[in-house]
Protein backbone atom coordinates (compact mmCIF):
# COMPACT_ATOMS: atom_id res chain seq x y z
CA MET A 1 -0.08 -0.14 -0.20
CA THR A 2 1.34 3.21 -0.76
CA ASP A 3 -0.36 6.30 0.26
CA SER A 4 0.35 9.75 0.39
CA LEU A 5 -0.15 12.47 3.71
CA GLN A 6 -0.64 15.32 1.45
CA ASP A 7 -3.79 13.71 0.32
CA LYS A 8 -4.78 12.77 3.96
CA THR A 9 -4.77 16.36 4.90
CA PRO A 10 -6.08 18.37 2.62
CA GLU A 11 -6.54 21.52 4.21
CA ARG A 12 -2.24 21.84 3.36
CA ALA A 13 -2.24 21.82 0.09
CA SER A 14 -2.32 25.83 -0.25
CA THR A 15 -0.14 26.87 2.68
CA GLY A 16 3.19 27.94 2.88
CA PRO A 17 6.21 25.51 2.97
CA ARG A 18 5.87 22.23 4.73
CA VAL A 19 9.43 20.78 6.03
CA ALA A 20 9.01 16.86 7.57
CA ILE A 21 11.41 16.42 10.54
CA VAL A 22 13.03 12.66 10.96
CA GLY A 23 13.27 12.16 14.52
CA GLY A 24 12.04 12.88 18.01
CA GLY A 25 14.15 13.27 20.22
CA PRO A 26 15.75 16.46 21.85
CA ALA A 27 17.69 17.79 18.25
CA GLY A 28 14.58 16.98 15.94
CA LEU A 29 11.93 18.57 19.16
CA MET A 30 14.54 21.70 18.87
CA ALA A 31 14.29 21.82 15.11
CA ALA A 32 10.37 21.61 15.04
CA GLU A 33 10.55 24.33 17.87
CA VAL A 34 12.67 26.67 15.18
CA LEU A 35 10.77 26.25 12.35
CA SER A 36 7.37 26.34 13.91
CA ARG A 37 8.01 29.68 15.23
CA GLN A 38 8.20 31.31 12.17
CA GLY A 39 5.10 29.98 10.80
CA VAL A 40 6.50 27.02 8.39
CA SER A 41 4.22 24.35 8.62
CA VAL A 42 5.73 20.85 9.94
CA ASP A 43 5.66 17.31 10.37
CA LEU A 44 7.61 15.45 12.72
CA PHE A 45 7.77 11.55 12.43
CA ASP A 46 9.23 8.67 14.73
CA ALA A 47 9.76 5.69 14.45
CA MET A 48 8.44 4.82 18.10
CA PRO A 49 5.16 4.99 19.35
CA SER A 50 6.15 8.02 21.08
CA VAL A 51 9.04 10.89 21.07
CA GLY A 52 11.72 11.04 23.33
CA ARG A 53 12.21 8.01 24.66
CA LYS A 54 16.12 8.23 25.00
CA PHE A 55 15.17 11.29 26.47
CA LEU A 56 13.04 9.83 29.71
CA LEU A 57 15.13 6.92 30.18
CA ALA A 58 18.08 9.35 30.56
CA GLY A 59 16.05 11.14 33.24
CA ARG A 60 15.73 8.39 35.44
CA GLY A 61 18.57 9.11 37.77
CA GLY A 62 18.18 12.66 37.37
CA LEU A 63 18.02 14.47 34.05
CA ASN A 64 21.73 16.34 33.51
CA LEU A 65 20.30 18.95 31.07
CA THR A 66 23.61 20.25 30.78
CA HIS A 67 27.24 21.99 32.65
CA SER A 68 27.73 24.89 34.39
CA GLU A 69 31.46 25.20 33.45
CA PRO A 70 32.48 28.07 31.15
CA LEU A 71 31.64 27.99 27.84
CA PRO A 72 35.87 27.71 26.69
CA ALA A 73 35.74 24.54 29.07
CA PHE A 74 32.57 23.17 27.97
CA LEU A 75 33.59 23.43 24.14
CA THR A 76 36.80 21.77 25.19
CA ARG A 77 34.94 18.76 25.96
CA PHE A 78 34.01 18.11 21.95
CA GLY A 79 37.47 16.70 21.25
CA SER A 80 38.77 16.94 17.68
CA ARG A 81 34.65 18.32 16.48
CA GLN A 82 35.24 21.23 18.98
CA ALA A 83 35.43 23.78 16.03
CA ASP A 84 32.20 22.15 14.18
CA LEU A 85 30.21 22.37 17.15
CA ALA A 86 31.26 25.52 18.25
CA PRO A 87 29.46 28.06 16.42
CA GLN A 88 26.11 26.36 17.09
CA ILE A 89 27.24 26.18 20.63
CA HIS A 90 27.44 29.79 20.73
CA GLN A 91 24.05 30.48 19.22
CA PHE A 92 22.83 28.01 22.20
CA THR A 93 24.79 27.70 25.03
CA PRO A 94 24.30 25.99 28.93
CA ASP A 95 22.90 29.38 29.75
CA ASP A 96 20.64 29.69 27.35
CA LEU A 97 19.59 26.00 27.98
CA ARG A 98 18.57 27.10 31.21
CA ALA A 99 16.58 29.88 30.13
CA TRP A 100 14.61 27.74 27.55
CA ALA A 101 14.11 25.46 29.95
CA LYS A 102 12.86 28.07 32.57
CA GLY A 103 10.36 29.49 29.28
CA LEU A 104 8.84 26.00 30.04
CA GLY A 105 8.07 26.31 33.35
CA ILE A 106 10.89 24.17 34.85
CA ASP A 107 13.41 25.70 37.17
CA THR A 108 17.17 24.33 37.41
CA PHE A 109 19.93 24.15 39.87
CA VAL A 110 23.74 23.58 39.67
CA GLY A 111 25.13 20.18 41.94
CA THR A 112 27.97 19.97 43.16
CA SER A 113 29.43 18.38 40.42
CA GLY A 114 28.82 21.45 38.21
CA ARG A 115 26.22 19.47 36.65
CA VAL A 116 22.64 21.36 35.88
CA PHE A 117 19.39 19.14 36.77
CA PRO A 118 15.42 20.32 36.64
CA THR A 119 14.89 20.89 40.59
CA ASP A 120 12.53 18.03 40.53
CA MET A 121 15.18 16.18 38.89
CA LYS A 122 12.71 14.41 35.98
CA ALA A 123 12.54 14.64 32.43
CA ALA A 124 8.67 13.97 31.80
CA PRO A 125 7.17 16.87 33.27
CA LEU A 126 9.84 19.04 30.93
CA LEU A 127 9.02 16.38 27.89
CA ARG A 128 5.19 17.12 28.62
CA ALA A 129 5.80 21.45 28.46
CA TRP A 130 7.50 20.95 25.43
CA LEU A 131 4.97 18.95 23.24
CA HIS A 132 2.16 20.51 24.65
CA ARG A 133 4.03 23.95 23.26
CA LEU A 134 4.96 22.50 19.83
CA ARG A 135 1.12 21.47 19.29
CA GLN A 136 0.31 24.74 20.32
CA ALA A 137 2.58 26.17 17.37
CA GLY A 138 0.86 23.51 14.78
CA VAL A 139 3.93 21.03 14.82
CA ARG A 140 1.39 17.54 14.12
CA PHE A 141 3.51 14.17 15.22
CA HIS A 142 3.03 10.52 13.21
CA MET A 143 4.30 7.79 15.30
CA ARG A 144 5.09 4.22 13.92
CA HIS A 145 6.63 5.64 11.37
CA ARG A 146 9.86 4.40 10.12
CA TRP A 147 11.74 6.26 7.84
CA ALA A 148 13.47 3.81 4.98
CA GLY A 149 14.94 6.49 2.36
CA TRP A 150 13.87 8.00 -0.54
CA ALA A 151 11.33 6.69 -3.56
CA ASP A 152 12.72 7.17 -7.11
CA THR A 153 10.66 9.95 -7.82
CA GLY A 154 12.05 12.10 -4.25
CA GLU A 155 9.07 11.71 -1.81
CA LEU A 156 10.34 10.58 1.76
CA ARG A 157 9.41 6.84 2.44
CA PHE A 158 8.03 5.45 5.38
CA ASN A 159 6.62 2.56 6.69
CA ALA A 160 3.82 3.24 8.98
CA PRO A 161 0.89 0.68 10.53
CA GLN A 162 -1.04 1.61 7.04
CA GLY A 163 1.67 0.64 4.76
CA GLU A 164 3.90 2.36 3.20
CA VAL A 165 3.78 6.05 3.43
CA LEU A 166 5.06 8.77 1.06
CA VAL A 167 5.80 12.31 2.21
CA SER A 168 6.72 15.35 -0.25
CA ALA A 169 8.67 18.27 1.74
CA ASP A 170 9.94 21.69 0.71
CA ALA A 171 12.59 20.65 3.28
CA THR A 172 13.89 17.83 5.57
CA VAL A 173 15.40 17.30 9.16
CA LEU A 174 17.08 14.34 9.75
CA ALA A 175 17.65 13.55 13.73
CA LEU A 176 17.52 10.09 13.42
CA GLY A 177 20.19 9.65 16.76
CA GLY A 178 23.16 7.08 16.69
CA ALA A 179 23.10 3.56 16.94
CA SER A 180 22.75 3.14 20.57
CA TRP A 181 19.42 1.70 22.59
CA ALA A 182 18.13 0.47 19.13
CA ARG A 183 15.09 -0.01 21.57
CA LEU A 184 14.52 3.07 22.05
CA GLY A 185 14.56 4.08 18.16
CA SER A 186 18.08 4.81 17.46
CA ASP A 187 19.67 1.87 15.20
CA GLY A 188 21.77 3.72 12.53
CA ALA A 189 19.66 2.45 10.30
CA TRP A 190 19.66 5.27 8.41
CA VAL A 191 23.35 4.64 7.18
CA ALA A 192 22.84 2.81 4.14
CA PRO A 193 20.53 5.21 2.70
CA LEU A 194 22.48 8.27 3.43
CA GLU A 195 25.50 6.16 2.08
CA ALA A 196 23.92 5.61 -1.59
CA ALA A 197 22.99 9.57 -1.25
CA GLY A 198 26.27 10.36 -1.47
CA ALA A 199 26.69 11.26 2.27
CA SER A 200 30.24 10.74 3.97
CA VAL A 201 29.25 8.69 7.15
CA ALA A 202 32.27 7.72 9.50
CA PRO A 203 31.35 4.26 11.07
CA LEU A 204 29.16 4.32 13.92
CA ARG A 205 31.25 3.35 17.14
CA PRO A 206 30.39 3.19 21.02
CA ALA A 207 30.61 6.24 23.27
CA ASN A 208 30.50 6.57 26.84
CA CYS A 209 30.05 2.82 27.18
CA GLY A 210 31.48 0.26 29.83
CA PHE A 211 34.97 -2.24 28.30
CA ASP A 212 35.08 -6.36 28.86
CA VAL A 213 38.86 -7.37 30.79
CA GLN A 214 41.19 -8.73 28.73
CA PRO A 215 40.51 -12.59 29.11
CA THR A 216 42.83 -14.58 31.69
CA GLY A 217 43.11 -18.00 32.68
CA PRO A 218 42.00 -21.06 31.02
CA ASP A 219 38.51 -20.13 30.47
CA ARG A 220 39.36 -17.14 29.03
CA SER A 221 36.42 -15.52 31.06
CA GLY A 222 37.88 -12.22 32.01
CA TRP A 223 36.99 -12.03 36.12
CA SER A 224 36.92 -14.75 37.95
CA ASP A 225 34.09 -17.04 38.36
CA HIS A 226 34.52 -15.74 42.52
CA LEU A 227 34.76 -12.15 41.63
CA ARG A 228 32.01 -12.52 39.31
CA GLN A 229 29.56 -13.70 41.51
CA ARG A 230 30.64 -11.76 44.50
CA PHE A 231 30.81 -8.82 43.19
CA ALA A 232 29.53 -8.05 39.74
CA GLY A 233 27.07 -5.14 40.14
CA GLN A 234 28.60 -3.35 42.86
CA PRO A 235 30.08 -0.08 42.57
CA ILE A 236 33.89 0.86 43.24
CA LYS A 237 34.46 3.97 45.37
CA PRO A 238 35.72 6.01 46.12
CA VAL A 239 38.64 5.03 43.09
CA ALA A 240 40.38 7.04 40.58
CA VAL A 241 41.58 6.24 37.11
CA SER A 242 44.85 7.29 35.11
CA PHE A 243 45.42 6.49 31.69
CA VAL A 244 48.55 7.17 29.31
CA GLY A 245 47.70 8.88 26.18
CA GLN A 246 49.25 8.60 22.68
CA ASP A 247 50.64 11.85 23.48
CA GLY A 248 52.32 10.30 26.39
CA GLN A 249 49.83 12.48 28.67
CA ILE A 250 48.91 11.21 31.80
CA HIS A 251 44.97 11.85 32.42
CA TYR A 252 43.59 11.07 36.03
CA GLN A 253 40.10 11.23 37.07
CA GLN A 254 38.29 10.54 40.86
CA GLY A 255 34.88 9.28 41.37
CA GLU A 256 33.39 5.55 41.02
CA PHE A 257 32.14 2.66 38.62
CA VAL A 258 30.53 -0.41 38.58
CA LEU A 259 32.26 -3.99 38.42
CA THR A 260 30.32 -5.82 35.85
CA ASP A 261 30.15 -9.88 34.98
CA THR A 262 33.18 -8.72 31.98
CA GLY A 263 34.59 -5.85 33.05
CA VAL A 264 33.92 -2.43 34.15
CA GLU A 265 31.22 0.25 33.59
CA GLY A 266 30.13 3.46 34.90
CA SER A 267 30.68 7.46 34.86
CA LEU A 268 34.57 7.28 35.68
CA ILE A 269 34.83 4.84 33.01
CA TYR A 270 32.81 7.18 30.42
CA ALA A 271 35.25 9.82 30.98
CA PHE A 272 38.01 7.84 29.66
CA SER A 273 35.97 5.91 27.06
CA ALA A 274 37.29 7.64 23.96
CA ARG A 275 40.54 7.27 24.54
CA ILE A 276 40.51 3.59 25.56
CA ARG A 277 38.05 2.99 22.68
CA ASP A 278 40.78 4.37 20.14
CA GLU A 279 43.89 2.90 21.95
CA ILE A 280 42.32 -0.57 21.37
CA GLU A 281 41.37 -0.17 17.95
CA ARG A 282 45.11 1.43 17.58
CA THR A 283 47.11 -1.88 19.87
CA GLY A 284 44.12 -4.37 20.54
CA GLN A 285 43.98 -3.21 24.21
CA ALA A 286 44.33 -0.82 26.31
CA THR A 287 45.85 -0.23 30.13
CA ILE A 288 43.72 1.73 32.96
CA HIS A 289 45.66 2.08 36.75
CA LEU A 290 43.17 2.20 39.55
CA ASP A 291 44.07 4.05 42.52
CA LEU A 292 42.24 2.63 45.50
CA LEU A 293 42.93 5.08 47.50
CA PRO A 294 42.71 8.60 46.15
CA GLN A 295 42.91 10.27 49.13
CA HIS A 296 46.18 8.63 50.64
CA THR A 297 49.52 9.55 49.51
CA LEU A 298 51.56 6.52 48.24
CA ALA A 299 54.23 7.47 51.28
CA GLN A 300 51.29 7.14 53.69
CA VAL A 301 49.92 3.70 52.37
CA GLN A 302 53.90 2.56 51.64
CA ALA A 303 53.98 3.05 55.49
CA GLU A 304 50.69 1.19 56.40
CA THR A 305 51.86 -1.75 54.88
CA ALA A 306 54.95 -2.11 56.00
CA ARG A 307 53.92 -2.37 59.17
CA PRO A 308 54.11 -5.27 61.14
CA ARG A 309 50.81 -7.25 61.03
CA GLY A 310 51.54 -10.10 63.63
CA PRO A 311 49.35 -12.82 63.29
CA ARG A 312 46.73 -10.74 61.49
CA SER A 313 45.87 -11.79 57.97
CA LEU A 314 46.85 -9.61 55.30
CA SER A 315 42.79 -8.62 54.70
CA THR A 316 42.23 -7.84 58.27
CA HIS A 317 45.59 -5.82 58.21
CA LEU A 318 44.37 -3.66 55.41
CA LYS A 319 41.14 -3.12 56.78
CA SER A 320 42.47 -2.28 59.85
CA ARG A 321 45.02 0.51 58.61
CA LEU A 322 43.71 1.47 55.29
CA GLY A 323 39.86 0.63 55.42
CA ILE A 324 40.25 -1.52 52.38
CA GLN A 325 37.98 -4.25 52.04
CA GLY A 326 35.17 -6.01 50.03
CA ILE A 327 35.58 -5.54 46.46
CA LYS A 328 38.70 -3.46 46.56
CA MET A 329 40.51 -6.17 48.75
CA ALA A 330 38.97 -8.76 45.89
CA LEU A 331 40.44 -6.92 43.11
CA LEU A 332 43.77 -7.29 44.78
CA HIS A 333 43.66 -10.89 44.89
CA GLU A 334 42.11 -11.01 41.36
CA CYS A 335 45.23 -8.87 39.74
CA LEU A 336 48.44 -9.02 42.53
CA THR A 337 50.69 -12.43 42.51
CA PRO A 338 51.39 -14.03 45.75
CA ALA A 339 54.52 -12.74 45.87
CA GLU A 340 53.25 -8.87 45.04
CA LEU A 341 50.70 -8.88 48.03
CA ASN A 342 52.95 -10.35 50.13
CA ASP A 343 55.69 -7.53 49.44
CA ALA A 344 55.01 -4.39 51.49
CA GLN A 345 55.92 -1.80 48.83
CA ALA A 346 55.21 -3.59 45.53
CA LEU A 347 51.69 -3.55 47.72
CA ALA A 348 51.45 -0.35 48.26
CA GLY A 349 52.58 0.66 44.51
CA LYS A 350 49.61 -1.34 43.46
CA ILE A 351 47.18 -0.07 45.69
CA LYS A 352 47.68 3.45 44.27
CA ALA A 353 48.21 2.08 40.68
CA LEU A 354 46.61 -1.35 39.91
CA PRO A 355 46.95 -1.90 36.44
CA ILE A 356 43.38 -3.53 34.31
CA THR A 357 43.76 -4.51 31.11
CA LEU A 358 41.12 -3.84 28.72
CA ALA A 359 40.43 -5.85 25.66
CA ARG A 360 37.15 -3.94 23.81
CA PRO A 361 34.07 -1.89 24.15
CA ARG A 362 30.82 -3.28 24.75
CA PRO A 363 28.39 -3.46 21.98
CA VAL A 364 27.15 -0.45 20.61
CA ASP A 365 23.97 -0.81 21.06
CA GLU A 366 24.99 -1.06 25.25
CA ALA A 367 26.35 2.61 24.80
CA ILE A 368 24.98 5.67 26.15
CA SER A 369 26.15 7.59 22.96
CA THR A 370 27.94 6.99 19.71
CA ALA A 371 30.89 8.25 18.09
CA GLY A 372 30.76 8.38 14.10
CA GLY A 373 27.82 9.72 11.90
CA VAL A 374 27.43 12.27 9.45
CA THR A 375 30.69 13.95 8.64
CA PHE A 376 30.57 17.67 9.28
CA GLU A 377 32.32 17.80 5.82
CA SER A 378 29.82 16.74 3.85
CA LEU A 379 27.53 19.57 5.33
CA ASP A 380 27.29 23.08 4.47
CA ALA A 381 27.20 25.51 7.31
CA ARG A 382 23.64 25.35 7.03
CA SER A 383 24.00 21.77 8.15
CA MET A 384 22.55 20.79 4.73
CA LEU A 385 24.16 17.96 3.14
CA LYS A 386 25.98 19.36 -0.23
CA ALA A 387 25.18 15.81 -2.04
CA ARG A 388 21.13 16.29 -1.04
CA PRO A 389 19.94 20.01 -1.14
CA GLY A 390 17.09 20.47 1.15
CA VAL A 391 18.09 17.89 3.12
CA PHE A 392 19.45 18.64 6.68
CA CYS A 393 21.29 17.10 9.49
CA CYS A 394 21.89 17.39 13.65
CA GLY A 395 21.81 15.72 16.61
CA GLU A 396 24.05 12.04 17.63
CA MET A 397 23.92 11.47 13.78
CA LEU A 398 26.22 13.53 13.14
CA ASP A 399 30.39 12.85 13.71
CA TRP A 400 30.43 13.96 17.28
CA GLU A 401 31.23 12.89 20.81
CA ALA A 402 31.40 13.87 23.75
CA PRO A 403 31.46 12.95 27.92
CA THR A 404 28.34 12.53 30.17
CA GLY A 405 27.18 15.44 31.94
CA GLY A 406 25.27 17.41 30.10
CA TYR A 407 27.50 17.68 26.80
CA LEU A 408 25.92 15.39 24.58
CA LEU A 409 22.47 16.92 25.66
CA THR A 410 23.29 20.55 24.65
CA ALA A 411 25.21 19.97 21.53
CA SER A 412 22.30 17.93 20.35
CA MET A 413 19.93 20.50 21.40
CA ALA A 414 22.23 23.41 19.52
CA SER A 415 22.66 21.05 16.69
CA GLY A 416 18.92 20.94 16.21
CA LYS A 417 18.71 24.63 16.13
CA ALA A 418 21.45 25.51 13.83
CA ALA A 419 19.48 23.15 11.44
CA GLY A 420 16.23 25.03 11.98
CA ALA A 421 17.79 27.91 11.25
CA GLY A 422 19.86 26.49 8.39
CA VAL A 423 16.04 25.32 7.04
CA SER A 424 14.77 28.43 7.51
CA ALA A 425 17.47 30.48 5.17
CA TYR A 426 16.60 27.75 2.85
CA LEU A 427 13.79 28.19 2.52
CA ASN A 428 13.88 32.13 2.29
CA ALA A 429 16.03 31.78 -0.39
CA LEU A 430 13.80 29.84 -2.61
CA GLU A 431 11.28 32.55 -2.59
């Protein structure tokens, strides 16, 4: 069955320019807001039964909207794509995002880490207010419409409950996300039709992800059965991670992470994930070092491990003198030889720098976000595909990545605003 959206809504036939937005995440919704405010007729399509599903999931533990650090430092979080994203973020800064949320009736606050959250910590009230405003502005939402590329005659093709739907539009905004959390709609299926249309797409890779440890032992299973059965799922805190980059620079950060069945995951690991992933791609593995006692100096740890322990076991001694117990003690037994455990100086060094070798990132669908995507080089200054005039791209489907902490959401919304402005400029040039 082939249907035509414009045939089903004949009252729109004589109106102004029509824009189709594909993807109902923050980037697509922001593009819809920009265009609907200018009186453009906007239809938004999404493959899922409702929009903003990944946005809502991100808010389950407290919606991290943005970060409060100074803008120059904020921009450095985007690594090699800082120069590409800076113009867009300058037009929608973290302060602008907070003001935008305030306009929806959502107050925000800055947490102790510098991250910015809604005062109620929830995503749903903000999304409800945002969708209400968009509907009031005339945006029409079409759910369960999965984009399938273009028809030979140029229309957008959608697979919908009623069959194939063809949509004609004066301009199109693609905001299709990356390839993580496919069950929420971002599955990377857009790569093939865009490459066929002439777009340059960098391979999609996991970002802000966990990692598997290098397999050891006869069963090649990574962690031992004892460690998995007793401690998988437990957080390790306080702890710090250090990692030596390709340039020889040592990167060090304190926080916490979680021991998993196969390796490590969590906020502190995410902070290093891009460097770890790239090192694994380059050499086949990457080694991080854990500081199990970041509040102690090496000299302090050495002094305590060197104290005579008498008849006490090593575990009892370390618990008494340094507070090391539970998962941290288990990690020492997991990673050190008996000789190292019984050498006071060697043990102190490992407590402050315990090597963990990582073999591979977890699958991309498990990652919080993805690296890779439509390259900025294949877009013009308006975010329009050079190979397909009238088609604009924004959000996580672009080739950039950033750590968690509000950076992902801010950049996605800023790129959505930039795409909306680019569409507006394009439509004005057609008149």
